[in-house]
Amino acid sequence: MEFLTMAANRYSCRQLTDKPVEQEKIDAILAAAKLAPTGKNLQPFKVWVLQSEEAVKAMYGLTKCAFGAGLFFVVGAKKEDAWVRPYDQANFAHVDASIVATHMMLEIEQLGLGTTWVAFFDAPQLQKLYPEMADYDLIATFPVGYKADDAVPSPRHAASKPDAELFRVL
């Protein structure tokens, strides 16, 4: 699939089935994360795969944006490990982790699965449940599964501001 076609077809899927996601697809999503570019290739991120019955149940208690998923990815950024721009001391951990998360989201689409980027979750409680997450800013969760037959994009999916508001050639 061509990239722009895939990017146009991808949507925030909020209706997933309970069909289990195969391990080879989970591995491909993690491979996409590992290939994502980061500042100086410092890779200041971690991805957690929540797939046990206990972990999935916990996620349902931490967000109302689970959408029927039986698998979740959590992406975290670690500021201490990130590249810092020397001119203004801007830390790029969140940028890098967001690039990683975007790679994952696009690979999920490429694999014929559905997801949506979820920021609406109780990160402090998730960090209490999983202390290994405590040193990371948790930037996203991805509920992942096969798209339900009646899943459709939001009516706003194709909406965009006019080009003149988004782009400027100098």
Foldseek 3Di string as FASTA:
>chain_A
DDPVVLVLPAAAWLAFEAPDDDPVLVVVLVVLLQPFDAVVSLSQKDKDKQQDPVSLVVQVVFAVRQSHFNIKIWMWFAQVRFDADVVPRDGCRVVSSVSSVVSSQSSLSVVQKHWHWDQRTDVVVVCVVPVVCVNTDTRTMIRMHHHDPPIDHDPCSPDDDDPVVVDDDD
